[in-house]
Amino acid sequence: MKVLVIGLGGVTNGGKTTLAKKLKKMLPNCDIISQDDFFKPESEVETDERGFKLYDVLDALYMDEMVRSIRSWMKSPASSGVVTEEPQHTCDNLKNIDVVYILIVEGFLLYNYEPLNGLWNRRYFLTLPYEECKRRRSTRVYQPADTPGYFDGHVWPMYLKYKSELEENASNIVYLDGTKSREELLSSVYSDIIQELKKMREGSQQVTA
C-alpha cells in the first residue's frame, strides 16, 4: 500500500475547496482533510488592539491535532471510508495495478508549519491579486462575520507575510493562478497528479519485478 499526500494551499477564496472536491471525484482512492475543520472556537482566538480576531495565523488552529489526523489517515487510509473503486475518469493505464491512496489536504496555512513539511508528495499554492481576492471575500459569509477593515487590516497582510516566507524558505511548490478558470486549474493539477501516480506505481512495479 502506498499513499500520496497532496497539499492544496493558498490565498483565501482562491478556490482551494472547490478544486479539492473536483479532484476527489476524478482521482482513485481519494480523500480530503480540510484545515478549516481545525479552527479553535472564537473564545480561544486572540484579539489584537484594533479588535480584530486573529484567525489568519497558525495560533488560531489546532495544528497538532491536524497533523495527528493526517498521520492517522496515512497509517490506515482504507479505514477512513475512502472509496476504493476507480472513478469513471481514471486513465486506463492506471487501472489494475498497485493501489495508491490519495489524501488532499486543503487550507490557507499548510506550508508554514514545520511538522507538516515532511509529509507532502506534491504542494500547490493558489494565488490571487489583491482586488480579486477582496471582491471574492466580500461575497462570502463567515462566522464570525468580517468586521469593517478586517480584510485590509488582517487577512491580506497575513497572506502576504506567509507567502513571502514560502518564497524565501520553501521549494518544490507549484504556484497556481487563481484567476484562471476552474476547468483550466482542474486540468492542470489533475494531469500533474496523474503523472505523480504513474511514477509511484512504476517505481513499485520495478521494486517487485
C-alpha atoms as a PDB file:
ATOM      1  CA  MET A   1       0.000   0.000   0.000  1.00  0.00           C
ATOM      2  CA  LYS A   2       1.225   3.456  -0.934  1.00  0.00           C
ATOM      3  CA  VAL A   3      -0.095   6.891  -0.031  1.00  0.00           C
ATOM      4  CA  LEU A   4       0.176  10.154  -1.951  1.00  0.00           C
ATOM      5  CA  VAL A   5      -0.273  13.276   0.183  1.00  0.00           C
ATOM      6  CA  ILE A   6      -1.122  16.427  -1.736  1.00  0.00           C
ATOM      7  CA  GLY A   7      -1.166  19.929  -0.273  1.00  0.00           C
ATOM      8  CA  LEU A   8      -3.599  22.416  -1.788  1.00  0.00           C
ATOM      9  CA  GLY A   9      -2.897  25.710  -0.077  1.00  0.00           C
ATOM     10  CA  GLY A  10      -3.044  29.389  -0.787  1.00  0.00           C
ATOM     11  CA  VAL A  11      -4.988  32.593  -0.567  1.00  0.00           C
ATOM     12  CA  THR A  12      -8.446  32.936   0.962  1.00  0.00           C
ATOM     13  CA  ASN A  13     -11.221  32.458  -1.609  1.00  0.00           C
ATOM     14  CA  GLY A  14      -8.689  31.182  -4.126  1.00  0.00           C
ATOM     15  CA  GLY A  15     -10.759  28.100  -4.969  1.00  0.00           C
ATOM     16  CA  LYS A  16      -8.992  25.519  -2.803  1.00  0.00           C
ATOM     17  CA  THR A  17     -12.080  23.713  -1.523  1.00  0.00           C
ATOM     18  CA  THR A  18     -13.801  23.633  -4.906  1.00  0.00           C
ATOM     19  CA  LEU A  19     -10.684  22.283  -6.597  1.00  0.00           C
ATOM     20  CA  ALA A  20     -10.160  19.655  -3.897  1.00  0.00           C
ATOM     21  CA  LYS A  21     -13.729  18.371  -4.219  1.00  0.00           C
ATOM     22  CA  LYS A  22     -13.491  18.159  -8.014  1.00  0.00           C
ATOM     23  CA  LEU A  23     -10.193  16.296  -7.787  1.00  0.00           C
ATOM     24  CA  LYS A  24     -11.682  13.822  -5.322  1.00  0.00           C
ATOM     25  CA  LYS A  25     -14.380  12.924  -7.825  1.00  0.00           C
ATOM     26  CA  MET A  26     -11.795  12.275 -10.542  1.00  0.00           C
ATOM     27  CA  LEU A  27      -8.968  10.571  -8.676  1.00  0.00           C
ATOM     28  CA  PRO A  28      -8.910   6.963  -7.467  1.00  0.00           C
ATOM     29  CA  ASN A  29      -8.995   6.181  -3.739  1.00  0.00           C
ATOM     30  CA  CYS A  30      -9.026   9.850  -2.783  1.00  0.00           C
ATOM     31  CA  ASP A  31      -9.950  11.575   0.471  1.00  0.00           C
ATOM     32  CA  ILE A  32      -9.839  15.185   1.748  1.00  0.00           C
ATOM     33  CA  ILE A  33      -8.829  16.783   5.033  1.00  0.00           C
ATOM     34  CA  SER A  34      -9.711  20.465   5.388  1.00  0.00           C
ATOM     35  CA  GLN A  35      -7.703  22.816   7.574  1.00  0.00           C
ATOM     36  CA  ASP A  36     -10.857  24.817   8.308  1.00  0.00           C
ATOM     37  CA  ASP A  37     -12.064  21.901  10.440  1.00  0.00           C
ATOM     38  CA  PHE A  38      -9.272  22.628  12.930  1.00  0.00           C
ATOM     39  CA  PHE A  39     -10.054  26.232  13.815  1.00  0.00           C
ATOM     40  CA  LYS A  40     -10.211  26.952  17.523  1.00  0.00           C
ATOM     41  CA  PRO A  41     -13.506  28.282  18.902  1.00  0.00           C
ATOM     42  CA  GLU A  42     -13.885  32.052  18.801  1.00  0.00           C
ATOM     43  CA  SER A  43     -13.275  32.313  22.553  1.00  0.00           C
ATOM     44  CA  GLU A  44      -9.759  30.877  22.118  1.00  0.00           C
ATOM     45  CA  VAL A  45      -8.723  33.098  19.198  1.00  0.00           C
ATOM     46  CA  GLU A  46      -6.680  36.150  20.130  1.00  0.00           C
ATOM     47  CA  THR A  47      -7.907  39.695  19.507  1.00  0.00           C
ATOM     48  CA  ASP A  48      -5.497  42.488  18.613  1.00  0.00           C
ATOM     49  CA  GLU A  49      -5.560  46.116  19.741  1.00  0.00           C
ATOM     50  CA  ARG A  50      -7.871  47.039  16.848  1.00  0.00           C
ATOM     51  CA  GLY A  51     -10.445  44.498  17.900  1.00  0.00           C
ATOM     52  CA  PHE A  52      -9.653  42.106  15.035  1.00  0.00           C
ATOM     53  CA  LYS A  53      -9.918  38.393  15.739  1.00  0.00           C
ATOM     54  CA  LEU A  54      -6.621  36.899  14.548  1.00  0.00           C
ATOM     55  CA  TYR A  55      -7.901  33.955  12.548  1.00  0.00           C
ATOM     56  CA  ASP A  56      -5.315  34.049   9.764  1.00  0.00           C
ATOM     57  CA  VAL A  57      -2.421  32.825  11.897  1.00  0.00           C
ATOM     58  CA  LEU A  58      -1.280  29.366  12.961  1.00  0.00           C
ATOM     59  CA  ASP A  59      -2.188  30.013  16.603  1.00  0.00           C
ATOM     60  CA  ALA A  60      -5.860  30.151  15.594  1.00  0.00           C
ATOM     61  CA  LEU A  61      -5.741  26.476  14.640  1.00  0.00           C
ATOM     62  CA  TYR A  62      -5.307  23.157  16.426  1.00  0.00           C
ATOM     63  CA  MET A  63      -2.340  22.316  14.214  1.00  0.00           C
ATOM     64  CA  ASP A  64      -1.093  19.405  16.328  1.00  0.00           C
ATOM     65  CA  GLU A  65      -4.496  17.776  16.005  1.00  0.00           C
ATOM     66  CA  MET A  66      -4.408  18.322  12.264  1.00  0.00           C
ATOM     67  CA  VAL A  67      -1.010  16.634  11.991  1.00  0.00           C
ATOM     68  CA  ARG A  68      -2.293  13.684  14.017  1.00  0.00           C
ATOM     69  CA  SER A  69      -5.317  13.367  11.722  1.00  0.00           C
ATOM     70  CA  ILE A  70      -3.118  13.327   8.619  1.00  0.00           C
ATOM     71  CA  ARG A  71      -0.705  10.789  10.082  1.00  0.00           C
ATOM     72  CA  SER A  72      -3.593   8.599  11.224  1.00  0.00           C
ATOM     73  CA  TRP A  73      -5.023   8.638   7.710  1.00  0.00           C
ATOM     74  CA  MET A  74      -1.623   7.765   6.242  1.00  0.00           C
ATOM     75  CA  LYS A  75      -1.292   4.728   8.512  1.00  0.00           C
ATOM     76  CA  SER A  76      -4.702   3.333   7.620  1.00  0.00           C
ATOM     77  CA  PRO A  77      -6.359   5.082   4.677  1.00  0.00           C
ATOM     78  CA  ALA A  78      -8.713   2.223   3.932  1.00  0.00           C
ATOM     79  CA  SER A  79     -10.295   2.561   7.384  1.00  0.00           C
ATOM     80  CA  SER A  80     -11.114   6.233   6.737  1.00  0.00           C
ATOM     81  CA  GLY A  81     -14.004   5.295   4.493  1.00  0.00           C
ATOM     82  CA  VAL A  82     -12.259   6.338   1.296  1.00  0.00           C
ATOM     83  CA  VAL A  83     -13.841   4.789  -1.794  1.00  0.00           C
ATOM     84  CA  THR A  84     -11.592   2.070  -3.193  1.00  0.00           C
ATOM     85  CA  GLU A  85     -13.136   1.737  -6.633  1.00  0.00           C
ATOM     86  CA  GLU A  86     -11.670   3.585  -9.600  1.00  0.00           C
ATOM     87  CA  PRO A  87     -13.682   6.655 -10.648  1.00  0.00           C
ATOM     88  CA  GLN A  88     -15.082   6.882 -14.136  1.00  0.00           C
ATOM     89  CA  HIS A  89     -12.414   9.327 -15.352  1.00  0.00           C
ATOM     90  CA  THR A  90      -9.382   7.290 -14.263  1.00  0.00           C
ATOM     91  CA  CYS A  91      -6.871   6.738 -17.053  1.00  0.00           C
ATOM     92  CA  ASP A  92      -6.871   3.167 -18.377  1.00  0.00           C
ATOM     93  CA  ASN A  93      -3.145   2.761 -17.802  1.00  0.00           C
ATOM     94  CA  LEU A  94      -3.602   3.406 -14.079  1.00  0.00           C
ATOM     95  CA  LYS A  95      -6.074   0.579 -13.624  1.00  0.00           C
ATOM     96  CA  ASN A  96      -5.316  -2.932 -12.411  1.00  0.00           C
ATOM     97  CA  ILE A  97      -2.002  -2.036 -10.785  1.00  0.00           C
ATOM     98  CA  ASP A  98      -0.899  -1.382  -7.214  1.00  0.00           C
ATOM     99  CA  VAL A  99      -3.359   0.672  -5.191  1.00  0.00           C
ATOM    100  CA  VAL A 100      -2.240   4.149  -4.182  1.00  0.00           C
ATOM    101  CA  TYR A 101      -4.381   6.028  -1.676  1.00  0.00           C
ATOM    102  CA  ILE A 102      -4.528   9.787  -2.179  1.00  0.00           C
ATOM    103  CA  LEU A 103      -5.050  12.394   0.513  1.00  0.00           C
ATOM    104  CA  ILE A 104      -5.701  16.012  -0.432  1.00  0.00           C
ATOM    105  CA  VAL A 105      -5.111  18.446   2.429  1.00  0.00           C
ATOM    106  CA  GLU A 106      -6.576  21.846   1.664  1.00  0.00           C
ATOM    107  CA  GLY A 107      -6.168  25.035   3.653  1.00  0.00           C
ATOM    108  CA  PHE A 108      -4.709  28.513   3.800  1.00  0.00           C
ATOM    109  CA  LEU A 109      -1.708  27.797   6.063  1.00  0.00           C
ATOM    110  CA  LEU A 110      -0.275  24.427   5.129  1.00  0.00           C
ATOM    111  CA  TYR A 111       3.381  25.044   4.372  1.00  0.00           C
ATOM    112  CA  ASN A 112       4.429  27.303   7.248  1.00  0.00           C
ATOM    113  CA  TYR A 113       4.171  24.628   9.934  1.00  0.00           C
ATOM    114  CA  GLU A 114       7.305  22.541  10.310  1.00  0.00           C
ATOM    115  CA  PRO A 115       5.716  19.231  11.446  1.00  0.00           C
ATOM    116  CA  LEU A 116       3.801  19.078   8.154  1.00  0.00           C
ATOM    117  CA  ASN A 117       6.732  19.767   5.866  1.00  0.00           C
ATOM    118  CA  GLY A 118       7.931  16.190   5.607  1.00  0.00           C
ATOM    119  CA  LEU A 119       4.538  14.767   4.684  1.00  0.00           C
ATOM    120  CA  TRP A 120       3.880  16.291   1.263  1.00  0.00           C
ATOM    121  CA  ASN A 121       4.411  14.475  -2.025  1.00  0.00           C
ATOM    122  CA  ARG A 122       3.119  17.438  -4.040  1.00  0.00           C
ATOM    123  CA  ARG A 123       2.412  21.017  -2.984  1.00  0.00           C
ATOM    124  CA  TYR A 124       0.217  23.524  -4.776  1.00  0.00           C
ATOM    125  CA  PHE A 125      -0.423  27.136  -3.817  1.00  0.00           C
ATOM    126  CA  LEU A 126      -3.278  29.216  -5.250  1.00  0.00           C
ATOM    127  CA  THR A 127      -2.718  32.935  -5.642  1.00  0.00           C
ATOM    128  CA  LEU A 128      -4.981  35.912  -6.397  1.00  0.00           C
ATOM    129  CA  PRO A 129      -4.321  39.613  -6.917  1.00  0.00           C
ATOM    130  CA  TYR A 130      -5.495  41.911  -4.131  1.00  0.00           C
ATOM    131  CA  GLU A 131      -8.581  43.345  -5.848  1.00  0.00           C
ATOM    132  CA  GLU A 132      -9.956  39.990  -6.972  1.00  0.00           C
ATOM    133  CA  CYS A 133      -9.339  38.406  -3.586  1.00  0.00           C
ATOM    134  CA  LYS A 134     -11.100  41.258  -1.793  1.00  0.00           C
ATOM    135  CA  ARG A 135     -14.024  41.090  -4.210  1.00  0.00           C
ATOM    136  CA  ARG A 136     -14.475  37.362  -3.667  1.00  0.00           C
ATOM    137  CA  ARG A 137     -14.101  37.693   0.084  1.00  0.00           C
ATOM    138  CA  SER A 138     -16.882  40.307   0.146  1.00  0.00           C
ATOM    139  CA  THR A 139     -19.327  37.793  -1.352  1.00  0.00           C
ATOM    140  CA  ARG A 140     -18.751  35.190   1.384  1.00  0.00           C
ATOM    141  CA  VAL A 141     -20.460  34.973   4.761  1.00  0.00           C
ATOM    142  CA  TYR A 142     -18.244  33.989   7.677  1.00  0.00           C
ATOM    143  CA  GLN A 143     -18.957  33.078  11.296  1.00  0.00           C
ATOM    144  CA  PRO A 144     -17.978  35.343  12.895  1.00  0.00           C
ATOM    145  CA  ALA A 145     -18.567  37.846  10.108  1.00  0.00           C
ATOM    146  CA  ASP A 146     -15.715  40.015   8.826  1.00  0.00           C
ATOM    147  CA  THR A 147     -15.683  43.348  10.630  1.00  0.00           C
ATOM    148  CA  PRO A 148     -15.080  46.600   8.700  1.00  0.00           C
ATOM    149  CA  GLY A 149     -11.433  46.823   7.685  1.00  0.00           C
ATOM    150  CA  TYR A 150     -10.725  43.191   8.561  1.00  0.00           C
ATOM    151  CA  PHE A 151      -9.544  42.155   5.103  1.00  0.00           C
ATOM    152  CA  ASP A 152      -7.075  45.031   4.743  1.00  0.00           C
ATOM    153  CA  GLY A 153      -6.082  45.055   8.405  1.00  0.00           C
ATOM    154  CA  HIS A 154      -5.519  41.351   8.975  1.00  0.00           C
ATOM    155  CA  VAL A 155      -6.418  38.865   6.214  1.00  0.00           C
ATOM    156  CA  TRP A 156      -4.383  40.289   3.326  1.00  0.00           C
ATOM    157  CA  PRO A 157      -1.291  41.276   5.367  1.00  0.00           C
ATOM    158  CA  MET A 158      -1.110  37.762   6.854  1.00  0.00           C
ATOM    159  CA  TYR A 159      -1.418  36.203   3.405  1.00  0.00           C
ATOM    160  CA  LEU A 160       1.468  38.342   2.130  1.00  0.00           C
ATOM    161  CA  LYS A 161       3.543  37.517   5.204  1.00  0.00           C
ATOM    162  CA  TYR A 162       3.172  33.757   4.905  1.00  0.00           C
ATOM    163  CA  LYS A 163       3.533  33.800   1.119  1.00  0.00           C
ATOM    164  CA  SER A 164       6.785  35.733   1.493  1.00  0.00           C
ATOM    165  CA  GLU A 165       8.064  33.138   3.965  1.00  0.00           C
ATOM    166  CA  LEU A 166       7.297  30.391   1.466  1.00  0.00           C
ATOM    167  CA  GLU A 167       9.080  32.123  -1.364  1.00  0.00           C
ATOM    168  CA  GLU A 168      12.163  32.563   0.805  1.00  0.00           C
ATOM    169  CA  ASN A 169      12.291  29.190   2.509  1.00  0.00           C
ATOM    170  CA  ALA A 170      10.262  26.562   0.662  1.00  0.00           C
ATOM    171  CA  SER A 171      10.938  24.711  -2.570  1.00  0.00           C
ATOM    172  CA  ASN A 172       9.002  22.402  -4.855  1.00  0.00           C
ATOM    173  CA  ILE A 173       5.775  24.394  -4.581  1.00  0.00           C
ATOM    174  CA  VAL A 174       3.647  24.739  -7.708  1.00  0.00           C
ATOM    175  CA  TYR A 175       2.063  28.199  -7.752  1.00  0.00           C
ATOM    176  CA  LEU A 176      -1.356  28.371  -9.409  1.00  0.00           C
ATOM    177  CA  ASP A 177      -3.077  31.458 -10.807  1.00  0.00           C
ATOM    178  CA  GLY A 178      -6.479  31.531  -9.111  1.00  0.00           C
ATOM    179  CA  THR A 179      -7.886  33.875 -11.757  1.00  0.00           C
ATOM    180  CA  LYS A 180      -7.791  31.071 -14.322  1.00  0.00           C
ATOM    181  CA  SER A 181     -10.982  29.148 -14.979  1.00  0.00           C
ATOM    182  CA  ARG A 182     -11.876  26.273 -12.676  1.00  0.00           C
ATOM    183  CA  GLU A 183     -11.655  23.914 -15.627  1.00  0.00           C
ATOM    184  CA  GLU A 184      -8.135  25.043 -16.508  1.00  0.00           C
ATOM    185  CA  LEU A 185      -6.913  24.750 -12.928  1.00  0.00           C
ATOM    186  CA  LEU A 186      -8.515  21.336 -12.527  1.00  0.00           C
ATOM    187  CA  SER A 187      -6.977  20.042 -15.747  1.00  0.00           C
ATOM    188  CA  SER A 188      -3.520  21.283 -14.817  1.00  0.00           C
ATOM    189  CA  VAL A 189      -3.467  19.857 -11.298  1.00  0.00           C
ATOM    190  CA  TYR A 190      -5.174  16.606 -12.272  1.00  0.00           C
ATOM    191  CA  SER A 191      -2.636  15.958 -15.036  1.00  0.00           C
ATOM    192  CA  ASP A 192       0.246  16.639 -12.656  1.00  0.00           C
ATOM    193  CA  ILE A 193      -1.145  14.268 -10.026  1.00  0.00           C
ATOM    194  CA  ILE A 194      -1.692  11.549 -12.622  1.00  0.00           C
ATOM    195  CA  GLN A 195       1.966  11.822 -13.600  1.00  0.00           C
ATOM    196  CA  GLU A 196       2.955  11.501  -9.946  1.00  0.00           C
ATOM    197  CA  LEU A 197       0.752   8.424  -9.581  1.00  0.00           C
ATOM    198  CA  LYS A 198       2.378   6.834 -12.606  1.00  0.00           C
ATOM    199  CA  LYS A 199       5.832   7.432 -11.152  1.00  0.00           C
ATOM    200  CA  MET A 200       4.864   5.893  -7.817  1.00  0.00           C
ATOM    201  CA  ARG A 201       3.259   2.868  -9.393  1.00  0.00           C
ATOM    202  CA  GLU A 202       6.046   2.326 -11.901  1.00  0.00           C
ATOM    203  CA  GLY A 203       8.555   2.530  -9.059  1.00  0.00           C
ATOM    204  CA  SER A 204       6.581  -0.044  -7.120  1.00  0.00           C
ATOM    205  CA  GLN A 205       6.491  -2.407 -10.101  1.00  0.00           C
ATOM    206  CA  GLN A 206      10.270  -2.100 -10.583  1.00  0.00           C
ATOM    207  CA  VAL A 207      10.899  -2.970  -6.939  1.00  0.00           C
ATOM    208  CA  THR A 208       8.708  -6.075  -7.125  1.00  0.00           C
ATOM    209  CA  ALA A 209       9.978  -7.176 -10.556  1.00  0.00           C
END
